[in-house]
N, C-alpha and C. Protein backbone atom coordinates (compact mmCIF):
# COMPACT_ATOMS: atom_id res chain seq x y z
N MET A 1 169.17 105.25 118.86
CA MET A 1 167.97 105.83 119.43
C MET A 1 167.36 106.84 118.47
N HIS A 2 168.21 107.68 117.84
CA HIS A 2 167.71 108.67 116.90
C HIS A 2 167.06 108.01 115.70
N LYS A 3 167.61 106.85 115.30
CA LYS A 3 167.03 106.15 114.16
C LYS A 3 165.62 105.67 114.49
N VAL A 4 165.38 105.18 115.70
CA VAL A 4 164.07 104.72 116.13
C VAL A 4 163.09 105.89 116.17
N GLN A 5 163.52 107.02 116.74
CA GLN A 5 162.65 108.20 116.81
C GLN A 5 162.34 108.73 115.42
N ASN A 6 163.33 108.77 114.55
CA ASN A 6 163.09 109.23 113.19
C ASN A 6 162.14 108.30 112.45
N SER A 7 162.26 107.01 112.68
CA SER A 7 161.39 106.03 112.04
C SER A 7 159.95 106.23 112.53
N LYS A 8 159.78 106.45 113.83
CA LYS A 8 158.45 106.69 114.39
C LYS A 8 157.86 107.99 113.83
N LYS A 9 158.70 109.02 113.71
CA LYS A 9 158.23 110.30 113.17
C LYS A 9 157.79 110.14 111.72
N ARG A 10 158.56 109.37 110.93
CA ARG A 10 158.19 109.15 109.53
C ARG A 10 156.87 108.40 109.43
N ARG A 11 156.69 107.37 110.27
CA ARG A 11 155.43 106.61 110.24
C ARG A 11 154.26 107.49 110.66
N LEU A 12 154.47 108.31 111.68
CA LEU A 12 153.42 109.23 112.13
C LEU A 12 153.09 110.24 111.03
N ALA A 13 154.11 110.78 110.38
CA ALA A 13 153.88 111.74 109.29
C ALA A 13 153.15 111.05 108.14
N GLY A 14 153.55 109.82 107.83
CA GLY A 14 152.88 109.06 106.76
C GLY A 14 151.42 108.81 107.09
N ALA A 15 151.14 108.46 108.34
CA ALA A 15 149.75 108.22 108.76
C ALA A 15 148.94 109.51 108.68
N MET A 16 149.53 110.63 109.06
CA MET A 16 148.82 111.91 109.00
C MET A 16 148.52 112.29 107.54
N VAL A 17 149.47 112.06 106.64
CA VAL A 17 149.24 112.35 105.22
C VAL A 17 148.12 111.47 104.69
N ALA A 18 148.12 110.19 105.07
CA ALA A 18 147.07 109.26 104.62
C ALA A 18 145.70 109.71 105.14
N MET A 19 145.63 110.13 106.40
CA MET A 19 144.35 110.58 106.95
C MET A 19 143.89 111.86 106.25
N PHE A 20 144.81 112.77 105.97
CA PHE A 20 144.45 113.99 105.27
C PHE A 20 143.92 113.68 103.87
N ALA A 21 144.58 112.77 103.17
CA ALA A 21 144.13 112.39 101.83
C ALA A 21 142.74 111.74 101.90
N ALA A 22 142.51 110.91 102.90
CA ALA A 22 141.20 110.26 103.06
C ALA A 22 140.12 111.30 103.34
N SER A 23 140.44 112.32 104.14
CA SER A 23 139.44 113.35 104.44
C SER A 23 139.09 114.14 103.19
N LEU A 24 140.05 114.36 102.30
CA LEU A 24 139.76 115.05 101.05
C LEU A 24 138.83 114.22 100.18
N THR A 25 139.04 112.92 100.16
CA THR A 25 138.18 112.02 99.38
C THR A 25 136.76 112.06 99.92
N VAL A 26 136.59 111.98 101.24
CA VAL A 26 135.27 112.02 101.84
C VAL A 26 134.60 113.36 101.55
N ALA A 27 135.34 114.45 101.65
CA ALA A 27 134.76 115.77 101.40
C ALA A 27 134.28 115.89 99.96
N SER A 28 135.06 115.35 99.01
CA SER A 28 134.63 115.47 97.62
C SER A 28 133.41 114.62 97.35
N VAL A 29 133.28 113.46 98.00
CA VAL A 29 132.09 112.63 97.82
C VAL A 29 130.88 113.32 98.44
N ALA A 30 131.05 113.95 99.59
CA ALA A 30 129.92 114.57 100.29
C ALA A 30 129.35 115.76 99.51
N THR A 31 130.17 116.43 98.70
CA THR A 31 129.66 117.58 97.98
C THR A 31 129.20 117.25 96.57
N ALA A 32 129.39 116.02 96.13
CA ALA A 32 129.00 115.63 94.78
C ALA A 32 127.49 115.47 94.69
N ALA A 33 126.96 115.76 93.52
CA ALA A 33 125.52 115.57 93.29
C ALA A 33 125.21 114.09 93.17
N THR A 34 124.01 113.72 93.54
CA THR A 34 123.56 112.34 93.47
C THR A 34 122.35 112.28 92.55
N ASN A 35 122.36 111.33 91.62
CA ASN A 35 121.28 111.20 90.64
C ASN A 35 120.40 110.00 90.94
N VAL A 36 119.10 110.18 90.72
CA VAL A 36 118.13 109.09 90.80
C VAL A 36 117.22 109.21 89.59
N ASN A 37 117.09 108.13 88.83
CA ASN A 37 116.21 108.11 87.66
C ASN A 37 115.07 107.14 87.92
N GLN A 38 113.85 107.58 87.66
CA GLN A 38 112.66 106.75 87.87
C GLN A 38 111.79 106.79 86.62
N PRO A 39 111.18 105.66 86.27
CA PRO A 39 110.25 105.68 85.13
C PRO A 39 108.97 106.41 85.52
N GLY A 40 108.29 106.96 84.54
CA GLY A 40 107.03 107.65 84.79
C GLY A 40 105.96 106.74 85.34
N SER A 41 106.16 105.43 85.24
CA SER A 41 105.16 104.48 85.76
C SER A 41 105.06 104.50 87.29
N VAL A 42 105.98 105.19 87.99
CA VAL A 42 105.85 105.33 89.45
C VAL A 42 104.81 106.38 89.81
N CYS A 43 104.43 107.21 88.84
CA CYS A 43 103.45 108.27 89.08
C CYS A 43 102.04 107.69 89.15
N LYS A 44 101.19 108.35 89.89
CA LYS A 44 99.80 107.90 90.08
C LYS A 44 98.84 109.08 89.89
N ASN A 45 97.60 108.75 89.64
CA ASN A 45 96.58 109.79 89.54
C ASN A 45 96.49 110.54 90.86
N PHE A 46 96.32 111.85 90.79
CA PHE A 46 96.22 112.69 91.99
C PHE A 46 94.80 112.69 92.54
N ILE A 47 93.81 112.65 91.67
CA ILE A 47 92.40 112.62 92.05
C ILE A 47 91.96 111.15 92.06
N PRO A 48 91.55 110.61 93.22
CA PRO A 48 91.19 109.19 93.30
C PRO A 48 90.16 108.74 92.26
N ALA A 49 89.17 109.57 91.97
CA ALA A 49 88.11 109.19 91.03
C ALA A 49 88.62 109.01 89.61
N GLU A 50 89.85 109.49 89.32
CA GLU A 50 90.40 109.38 87.96
C GLU A 50 91.29 108.15 87.76
N ALA A 51 91.31 107.26 88.73
CA ALA A 51 92.17 106.08 88.64
C ALA A 51 91.86 105.24 87.40
N GLY A 52 90.61 105.14 87.02
CA GLY A 52 90.23 104.34 85.86
C GLY A 52 90.62 104.97 84.53
N ASN A 53 91.05 106.22 84.56
CA ASN A 53 91.45 106.92 83.33
C ASN A 53 92.95 106.84 83.06
N MET A 54 93.68 106.10 83.85
CA MET A 54 95.14 106.06 83.70
C MET A 54 95.56 104.81 82.95
N ASP A 55 96.48 104.99 82.00
CA ASP A 55 97.13 103.88 81.30
C ASP A 55 98.58 103.85 81.77
N TYR A 56 99.01 102.69 82.25
CA TYR A 56 100.38 102.53 82.73
C TYR A 56 101.19 101.72 81.72
N TYR A 57 102.39 102.16 81.49
CA TYR A 57 103.34 101.47 80.62
C TYR A 57 104.59 101.19 81.44
N ALA A 58 105.46 100.35 80.92
CA ALA A 58 106.70 100.03 81.64
C ALA A 58 107.50 101.30 81.95
N ASN A 59 107.43 102.28 81.07
CA ASN A 59 108.22 103.49 81.28
C ASN A 59 107.39 104.75 81.47
N GLY A 60 106.08 104.64 81.61
CA GLY A 60 105.34 105.88 81.73
C GLY A 60 103.87 105.73 82.08
N ILE A 61 103.21 106.88 82.10
CA ILE A 61 101.80 106.97 82.44
C ILE A 61 101.15 108.00 81.51
N ARG A 62 99.91 107.71 81.11
CA ARG A 62 99.14 108.68 80.31
C ARG A 62 97.69 108.62 80.77
N SER A 63 96.91 109.63 80.37
CA SER A 63 95.51 109.72 80.77
C SER A 63 94.61 109.54 79.54
N THR A 64 93.55 108.76 79.73
CA THR A 64 92.56 108.59 78.66
C THR A 64 91.35 109.49 78.88
N LYS A 65 91.35 110.25 79.98
CA LYS A 65 90.27 111.19 80.27
C LYS A 65 90.22 112.25 79.17
N ALA A 66 89.04 112.79 78.89
CA ALA A 66 88.89 113.78 77.82
C ALA A 66 89.70 115.05 78.07
N GLY A 67 89.89 115.43 79.31
CA GLY A 67 90.63 116.66 79.62
C GLY A 67 91.94 116.38 80.32
N ALA A 68 92.62 117.44 80.67
CA ALA A 68 93.91 117.33 81.37
C ALA A 68 93.72 116.62 82.71
N THR A 69 94.77 115.92 83.13
CA THR A 69 94.71 115.11 84.34
C THR A 69 95.93 115.39 85.21
N ARG A 70 95.70 115.53 86.52
CA ARG A 70 96.82 115.73 87.45
C ARG A 70 97.33 114.39 87.94
N ILE A 71 98.67 114.25 87.94
CA ILE A 71 99.30 113.05 88.48
C ILE A 71 100.39 113.47 89.46
N VAL A 72 100.69 112.60 90.40
CA VAL A 72 101.72 112.88 91.39
C VAL A 72 102.79 111.80 91.29
N CYS A 73 104.04 112.23 91.36
CA CYS A 73 105.18 111.32 91.24
C CYS A 73 106.01 111.41 92.52
N PRO A 74 106.08 110.33 93.29
CA PRO A 74 106.98 110.34 94.45
C PRO A 74 108.42 110.30 93.94
N VAL A 75 109.32 110.93 94.65
CA VAL A 75 110.72 110.94 94.24
C VAL A 75 111.54 110.20 95.29
N THR A 76 112.20 109.15 94.85
CA THR A 76 113.07 108.37 95.74
C THR A 76 114.36 109.13 95.94
N ARG A 77 114.76 109.27 97.19
CA ARG A 77 116.03 109.94 97.50
C ARG A 77 117.11 108.90 97.72
N PRO A 78 118.35 109.25 97.44
CA PRO A 78 119.44 108.30 97.64
C PRO A 78 119.68 108.05 99.12
N VAL A 79 120.45 107.01 99.42
CA VAL A 79 120.74 106.68 100.81
C VAL A 79 121.52 107.80 101.48
N ALA A 80 122.47 108.41 100.78
CA ALA A 80 123.27 109.50 101.32
C ALA A 80 122.52 110.81 101.10
N PHE A 81 121.58 111.12 101.99
CA PHE A 81 120.76 112.33 101.85
C PHE A 81 121.63 113.58 101.87
N LEU A 82 121.36 114.48 100.98
CA LEU A 82 122.04 115.76 100.92
C LEU A 82 121.03 116.85 101.27
N ASN A 83 121.48 118.08 101.50
CA ASN A 83 120.53 119.11 101.92
C ASN A 83 120.62 120.40 101.11
N GLY A 84 121.11 120.33 99.87
CA GLY A 84 121.22 121.53 99.05
C GLY A 84 120.11 121.67 98.02
N GLY A 85 119.05 120.85 98.15
CA GLY A 85 117.96 120.91 97.19
C GLY A 85 118.22 119.99 96.01
N ALA A 86 117.48 120.19 94.92
CA ALA A 86 117.59 119.30 93.78
C ALA A 86 117.15 119.98 92.50
N THR A 87 117.59 119.42 91.38
CA THR A 87 117.08 119.77 90.07
C THR A 87 116.35 118.55 89.53
N PHE A 88 115.17 118.77 88.99
CA PHE A 88 114.35 117.68 88.46
C PHE A 88 114.21 117.85 86.95
N TRP A 89 114.23 116.74 86.23
CA TRP A 89 113.91 116.73 84.81
C TRP A 89 112.76 115.76 84.64
N ILE A 90 111.68 116.22 84.06
CA ILE A 90 110.51 115.38 83.81
C ILE A 90 110.42 115.19 82.30
N ASP A 91 110.49 113.94 81.86
CA ASP A 91 110.45 113.62 80.44
C ASP A 91 109.02 113.36 80.00
N VAL A 92 108.62 114.00 78.91
CA VAL A 92 107.26 113.85 78.39
C VAL A 92 107.31 113.62 76.89
N LYS A 93 106.22 113.07 76.38
CA LYS A 93 106.06 112.91 74.93
C LYS A 93 104.63 113.26 74.59
N HIS A 94 104.46 114.22 73.67
CA HIS A 94 103.13 114.65 73.23
C HIS A 94 102.89 114.14 71.81
N VAL A 95 101.67 113.61 71.59
CA VAL A 95 101.29 113.12 70.27
C VAL A 95 100.94 114.28 69.35
N THR A 96 100.28 115.28 69.91
CA THR A 96 99.96 116.52 69.18
C THR A 96 100.49 117.68 70.02
N THR A 97 100.35 118.90 69.53
CA THR A 97 100.82 120.05 70.31
C THR A 97 99.96 120.17 71.57
N GLN A 98 100.60 119.99 72.70
CA GLN A 98 99.95 120.00 74.01
C GLN A 98 100.87 120.68 75.01
N THR A 99 100.36 120.85 76.23
CA THR A 99 101.17 121.40 77.32
C THR A 99 101.12 120.47 78.52
N THR A 100 102.29 120.19 79.08
CA THR A 100 102.41 119.49 80.37
C THR A 100 103.08 120.47 81.32
N THR A 101 102.49 120.65 82.50
CA THR A 101 103.02 121.54 83.52
C THR A 101 103.29 120.74 84.78
N CYS A 102 104.44 120.97 85.40
CA CYS A 102 104.81 120.24 86.62
C CYS A 102 105.31 121.20 87.69
N THR A 103 105.09 120.82 88.94
CA THR A 103 105.62 121.54 90.09
C THR A 103 106.34 120.55 90.98
N ALA A 104 107.57 120.87 91.35
CA ALA A 104 108.34 120.04 92.27
C ALA A 104 108.23 120.63 93.67
N PHE A 105 108.09 119.76 94.65
CA PHE A 105 107.92 120.18 96.05
C PHE A 105 109.00 119.56 96.93
N SER A 106 109.42 120.31 97.94
CA SER A 106 110.29 119.81 98.99
C SER A 106 109.58 120.07 100.31
N HIS A 107 109.25 119.00 101.04
CA HIS A 107 108.55 119.11 102.32
C HIS A 107 109.45 118.61 103.44
N ALA A 108 109.42 119.29 104.57
CA ALA A 108 110.12 118.82 105.76
C ALA A 108 109.43 117.56 106.26
N ALA A 109 110.12 116.81 107.10
CA ALA A 109 109.57 115.55 107.61
C ALA A 109 108.21 115.73 108.27
N GLY A 110 107.96 116.86 108.88
CA GLY A 110 106.68 117.12 109.53
C GLY A 110 105.59 117.60 108.58
N GLY A 111 105.92 117.76 107.29
CA GLY A 111 104.93 118.17 106.31
C GLY A 111 105.00 119.62 105.89
N ARG A 112 105.82 120.43 106.58
CA ARG A 112 105.93 121.85 106.23
C ARG A 112 106.61 122.02 104.87
N LEU A 113 106.02 122.85 104.02
CA LEU A 113 106.60 123.11 102.70
C LEU A 113 107.87 123.93 102.85
N LEU A 114 108.98 123.39 102.32
CA LEU A 114 110.25 124.11 102.34
C LEU A 114 110.44 124.91 101.05
N ALA A 115 110.01 124.34 99.92
CA ALA A 115 110.21 125.02 98.63
C ALA A 115 109.38 124.34 97.55
N SER A 116 109.11 125.09 96.49
CA SER A 116 108.48 124.53 95.30
C SER A 116 108.85 125.41 94.11
N ASN A 117 108.77 124.83 92.94
CA ASN A 117 109.02 125.57 91.71
C ASN A 117 108.33 124.83 90.58
N SER A 118 108.02 125.52 89.49
CA SER A 118 107.26 124.93 88.39
C SER A 118 107.95 125.12 87.05
N GLY A 119 107.52 124.30 86.10
CA GLY A 119 108.00 124.42 84.73
C GLY A 119 107.01 123.74 83.81
N SER A 120 107.15 123.95 82.50
CA SER A 120 106.22 123.34 81.56
C SER A 120 106.90 123.08 80.23
N PHE A 121 106.26 122.22 79.44
CA PHE A 121 106.67 121.95 78.06
C PHE A 121 105.44 122.04 77.19
N THR A 122 105.51 122.87 76.16
CA THR A 122 104.45 122.97 75.16
C THR A 122 105.04 122.59 73.82
N GLY A 123 104.39 121.67 73.15
CA GLY A 123 104.88 121.28 71.84
C GLY A 123 104.42 119.88 71.48
N ILE A 124 105.02 119.36 70.41
CA ILE A 124 104.74 118.02 69.93
C ILE A 124 106.04 117.22 69.99
N GLY A 125 105.93 115.94 70.28
CA GLY A 125 107.12 115.10 70.36
C GLY A 125 107.67 115.03 71.77
N VAL A 126 108.95 114.71 71.85
CA VAL A 126 109.62 114.50 73.14
C VAL A 126 110.12 115.83 73.69
N GLY A 127 109.89 116.03 74.99
CA GLY A 127 110.36 117.24 75.66
C GLY A 127 110.79 116.93 77.08
N SER A 128 111.50 117.85 77.68
CA SER A 128 111.95 117.70 79.05
C SER A 128 111.68 118.99 79.80
N ILE A 129 111.14 118.85 80.99
CA ILE A 129 110.84 120.00 81.85
C ILE A 129 111.89 120.03 82.95
N ARG A 130 112.62 121.11 83.05
CA ARG A 130 113.63 121.26 84.10
C ARG A 130 113.06 122.15 85.19
N ILE A 131 113.17 121.67 86.44
CA ILE A 131 112.70 122.44 87.59
C ILE A 131 113.80 122.46 88.64
N ASP A 132 114.22 123.64 89.06
CA ASP A 132 115.23 123.79 90.10
C ASP A 132 114.57 124.11 91.43
N VAL A 133 114.92 123.32 92.43
CA VAL A 133 114.54 123.59 93.82
C VAL A 133 115.86 123.43 94.58
N ARG A 134 116.75 124.42 94.39
CA ARG A 134 118.10 124.33 94.92
C ARG A 134 118.42 125.51 95.81
N GLY A 135 119.25 125.26 96.80
CA GLY A 135 119.73 126.32 97.67
C GLY A 135 119.60 125.94 99.13
N THR A 136 120.31 126.67 99.95
CA THR A 136 120.31 126.42 101.39
C THR A 136 118.90 126.57 101.96
N GLY A 137 118.50 125.60 102.75
CA GLY A 137 117.19 125.64 103.41
C GLY A 137 116.04 125.14 102.57
N LEU A 138 116.30 124.73 101.32
CA LEU A 138 115.20 124.26 100.46
C LEU A 138 114.95 122.76 100.59
N SER A 139 115.84 122.10 101.31
CA SER A 139 115.61 120.70 101.69
C SER A 139 116.47 120.45 102.91
N ASP A 140 116.20 119.36 103.58
CA ASP A 140 117.06 118.94 104.68
C ASP A 140 117.25 117.43 104.58
N PHE A 141 117.97 116.88 105.55
CA PHE A 141 118.31 115.46 105.48
C PHE A 141 117.10 114.55 105.54
N THR A 142 115.98 115.02 106.06
CA THR A 142 114.79 114.17 106.19
C THR A 142 113.63 114.63 105.33
N SER A 143 113.84 115.61 104.47
CA SER A 143 112.72 116.11 103.67
C SER A 143 112.35 115.14 102.55
N ASP A 144 111.13 115.30 102.07
CA ASP A 144 110.59 114.48 100.98
C ASP A 144 110.41 115.34 99.75
N PHE A 145 110.67 114.74 98.57
CA PHE A 145 110.44 115.41 97.31
C PHE A 145 109.27 114.74 96.60
N SER A 146 108.50 115.53 95.88
CA SER A 146 107.46 114.97 95.00
C SER A 146 107.27 115.93 93.83
N VAL A 147 106.69 115.40 92.76
CA VAL A 147 106.41 116.20 91.57
C VAL A 147 104.94 116.02 91.22
N LEU A 148 104.22 117.11 91.06
CA LEU A 148 102.81 117.11 90.68
C LEU A 148 102.72 117.68 89.26
N CYS A 149 102.15 116.90 88.33
CA CYS A 149 102.07 117.34 86.93
C CYS A 149 100.63 117.32 86.44
N THR A 150 100.35 118.18 85.50
CA THR A 150 99.10 118.15 84.75
C THR A 150 99.47 117.74 83.33
N ILE A 151 98.97 116.55 82.93
CA ILE A 151 99.31 116.01 81.61
C ILE A 151 98.08 116.08 80.70
N PRO A 152 98.30 116.11 79.39
CA PRO A 152 97.16 116.15 78.46
C PRO A 152 96.31 114.88 78.57
N GLY A 153 95.03 115.03 78.28
CA GLY A 153 94.13 113.89 78.28
C GLY A 153 94.02 113.25 76.91
N SER A 154 93.08 112.34 76.77
CA SER A 154 92.79 111.63 75.52
C SER A 154 94.01 110.91 74.96
N GLY A 155 94.91 110.46 75.83
CA GLY A 155 96.09 109.74 75.39
C GLY A 155 97.08 110.57 74.62
N GLN A 156 96.99 111.89 74.70
CA GLN A 156 97.83 112.78 73.90
C GLN A 156 99.19 113.09 74.53
N GLY A 157 99.41 112.65 75.76
CA GLY A 157 100.68 112.93 76.42
C GLY A 157 101.10 111.78 77.32
N LEU A 158 102.38 111.48 77.33
CA LEU A 158 102.95 110.43 78.17
C LEU A 158 104.03 111.04 79.04
N LEU A 159 103.95 110.83 80.34
CA LEU A 159 105.05 111.22 81.23
C LEU A 159 105.92 109.98 81.36
N SER A 160 107.16 110.06 80.85
CA SER A 160 107.97 108.85 80.77
C SER A 160 109.09 108.75 81.79
N GLY A 161 109.41 109.80 82.50
CA GLY A 161 110.49 109.69 83.49
C GLY A 161 110.61 110.90 84.37
N VAL A 162 111.13 110.66 85.57
CA VAL A 162 111.46 111.72 86.52
C VAL A 162 112.90 111.47 86.95
N HIS A 163 113.74 112.44 86.68
CA HIS A 163 115.16 112.33 87.01
C HIS A 163 115.50 113.40 88.04
N THR A 164 116.19 113.01 89.08
CA THR A 164 116.53 113.91 90.17
C THR A 164 118.04 114.00 90.31
N ASN A 165 118.55 115.21 90.39
CA ASN A 165 119.95 115.46 90.67
C ASN A 165 119.98 116.24 91.97
N GLU A 166 120.33 115.54 93.05
CA GLU A 166 120.28 116.14 94.38
C GLU A 166 121.64 116.67 94.80
N PHE A 167 121.63 117.83 95.48
CA PHE A 167 122.88 118.48 95.90
C PHE A 167 123.00 118.53 97.39
């Protein structure tokens, strides 16, 4: 009889250890950051009348308008929504010394602004703009992210990617 009880106790202890180990695995996955990379070609002109001034490439967007142009980039969120905000990297390439400025937004499902932050790149060649919108209350499970950028005109700047690291 004692052997049967001891065997049951060992199986129960083994099952409890397995469940504890599984819960640790789930907890570590839930707190890990999630990355989404999108080409700049997902971005669109912000002003409807400027649609004819946009050049789209497989990996990016640029403006042929004489002056700076605003574009908006929707940000796809992963299936496992997190609520700690995000860090965005916007990849740009300037033909001459120019400035690209971007603002990242986090909106609640109802449209209320939860957070925003801005960054810019001035220079020639390839650059990356890092924008942090991180912290408690800066996003929730149903919030939407977007990035609004002002890029150089006359084909002098290409927005080639939007990368999101969500927490």
